[in-house]
Amino acid sequence: MLFLIIFLTDGYTRGNSTPPRPLVGEGAGGEGYDMNTTRKTQIARQFRKSPTKSEEMVWKALRNRSFMGLKFRRQYVIEGYILDFYCSDLNLAIEIDGGIHQEQEKDDKRREEIIGQFGIVFYRIPSACIEQNILGILSELASFISVHCPLARDHRERERG
């Protein structure tokens, strides 16, 4: 199980007596901690530079509108949270759950509730499933989109033109 801890040193190295708050989790963006948007964007950029094997596999399938003609962004910051993948055409967030997510299930639910208030729908994928059957996962994702994303119909109609 991969467990990643990143310490924020802003202010701490300049004599601040309060230790930095850790960002915990594979793919976690430090949710729940007060950070400015610039810092979140820097963290998201770092995550894009060093993706997990599962993230890399999914990104290869989604990038350049190669999946259903949809534009996806990876490690995208929304409302102070970093999403693994996000499609603004559908208001769809795709989250890859590595081993750490079993330990932070409560935090993930809270995060989904907060972001869900903005009409964003979540699709969660266990990383082990991606590595075993990426084609099956993509097929399930396409089915999920057709059922759970009301904006998918509008997108298909625009594509047909």
Foldseek 3Di string as FASTA:
>chain_A
DDKDWDFDCVPVVVPDPDGGDIQIDQLWQNPPDDDDPVVSVVVLVVCVVPDDPLLVLVCVCPDPCNQVNFHKDAQDDDPNTTAGIATPLQLETEHEDEPCCVVVVVVVVVVCVVSCVVVHHYDYHYSVCCVVCVPVVSVVVVVCCVPPGPSVVVVVVVVVD
